[in-house]
Amino acid sequence: MKLASKLHISEAEQLSASLLNLLSTDQKICIDISEVNDADTASIQVLCALQKSLSATNNAISWQGKSSVLSNIAQQLGVKEFLNLPD
């Protein structure tokens, strides 16, 4: 799944629904963050909820690409290590 360039609260519900659909499959969850250049707390919370759900089954999000913006925001919120985002 490729994330949009802007992750804002207005799209958080749709993002959450898309990620829940991924959870319902048996496939490894790979999220491409290479185009993310803006994100807010609500979108980070959605990603944390996904990571928490996956960790209950000893799985994790597999990140594709890098986003310094997403990484920096997650760092400021204290969840970068929890999400295991690339630098």
Protein backbone atom coordinates (compact mmCIF):
# COMPACT_ATOMS: atom_id res chain seq x y z
CA MET A 1 0.00 0.00 0.00
CA LYS A 2 1.33 3.42 -0.92
CA LEU A 3 0.54 6.31 1.41
CA ALA A 4 -0.51 9.69 0.07
CA SER A 5 1.85 12.65 0.19
CA LYS A 6 -0.27 14.34 2.88
CA LEU A 7 -1.62 12.38 5.83
CA HIS A 8 -4.15 14.57 7.60
CA ILE A 9 -7.01 14.08 10.02
CA SER A 10 -9.51 14.57 7.19
CA GLU A 11 -8.27 11.31 5.64
CA ALA A 12 -7.57 9.43 8.89
CA GLU A 13 -10.83 7.48 8.81
CA GLN A 14 -10.25 6.37 5.22
CA LEU A 15 -6.63 5.46 6.03
CA SER A 16 -7.80 3.44 9.01
CA ALA A 17 -10.36 1.57 6.89
CA SER A 18 -7.75 0.79 4.22
CA LEU A 19 -5.31 -0.50 6.82
CA LEU A 20 -8.01 -2.63 8.47
CA ASN A 21 -8.64 -4.23 5.08
CA LEU A 22 -4.95 -5.12 4.94
CA LEU A 23 -5.21 -6.73 8.38
CA SER A 24 -7.96 -9.01 7.14
CA THR A 25 -5.59 -10.62 4.62
CA ASP A 26 -2.87 -13.12 5.39
CA GLN A 27 -0.32 -11.07 3.45
CA LYS A 28 2.63 -9.28 5.00
CA ILE A 29 1.75 -5.61 5.42
CA CYS A 30 4.11 -3.43 3.39
CA ILE A 31 3.55 0.32 3.37
CA ASP A 32 5.32 2.65 0.96
CA ILE A 33 6.06 5.97 2.66
CA SER A 34 8.34 7.39 -0.02
CA GLU A 35 5.96 10.18 -1.05
CA VAL A 36 4.83 11.31 2.44
CA ASN A 37 5.81 14.95 2.89
CA ASP A 38 3.29 15.99 5.55
CA ALA A 39 1.54 14.16 8.38
CA ASP A 40 -0.39 14.99 11.49
CA THR A 41 -0.90 13.32 14.85
CA ALA A 42 -4.15 11.61 13.81
CA SER A 43 -2.47 9.78 10.93
CA ILE A 44 0.43 8.73 13.16
CA GLN A 45 -2.11 7.37 15.66
CA VAL A 46 -3.68 5.27 12.90
CA LEU A 47 -0.28 3.82 12.00
CA CYS A 48 0.42 3.12 15.69
CA ALA A 49 -2.93 1.31 16.01
CA LEU A 50 -2.01 -0.88 13.05
CA GLN A 51 1.42 -1.61 14.52
CA LYS A 52 -0.18 -2.50 17.87
CA SER A 53 -2.64 -4.87 16.19
CA LEU A 54 0.18 -6.53 14.27
CA SER A 55 2.40 -6.88 17.33
CA ALA A 56 -0.35 -8.90 19.03
CA THR A 57 0.31 -11.57 16.38
CA ASN A 58 4.11 -11.12 16.41
CA ASN A 59 4.04 -9.22 13.12
CA ALA A 60 5.04 -5.70 12.16
CA ILE A 61 4.67 -3.18 9.38
CA SER A 62 7.26 -3.55 6.64
CA TRP A 63 8.19 -0.06 5.44
CA GLN A 64 9.15 0.64 1.85
CA GLY A 65 11.01 3.82 1.00
CA LYS A 66 11.83 6.62 3.39
CA SER A 67 10.15 9.81 4.54
CA SER A 68 12.22 12.14 6.67
CA VAL A 69 9.06 14.15 7.43
CA LEU A 70 7.16 11.12 8.73
CA SER A 71 10.20 9.93 10.63
CA ASN A 72 10.72 13.35 12.25
CA ILE A 73 7.08 13.72 13.26
CA ALA A 74 7.03 10.21 14.73
CA GLN A 75 10.25 11.05 16.62
CA GLN A 76 8.69 14.22 18.03
CA LEU A 77 5.66 12.22 19.18
CA GLY A 78 7.90 9.56 20.72
CA VAL A 79 6.70 6.69 18.53
CA LYS A 80 9.42 6.36 15.90
CA GLU A 81 10.98 3.32 17.57
CA PHE A 82 7.57 1.73 18.19
CA LEU A 83 6.76 2.09 14.49
CA ASN A 84 10.30 1.02 13.56
CA LEU A 85 10.44 3.69 10.86
CA PRO A 86 13.57 3.89 8.71
CA ASP A 87 15.81 6.95 9.08
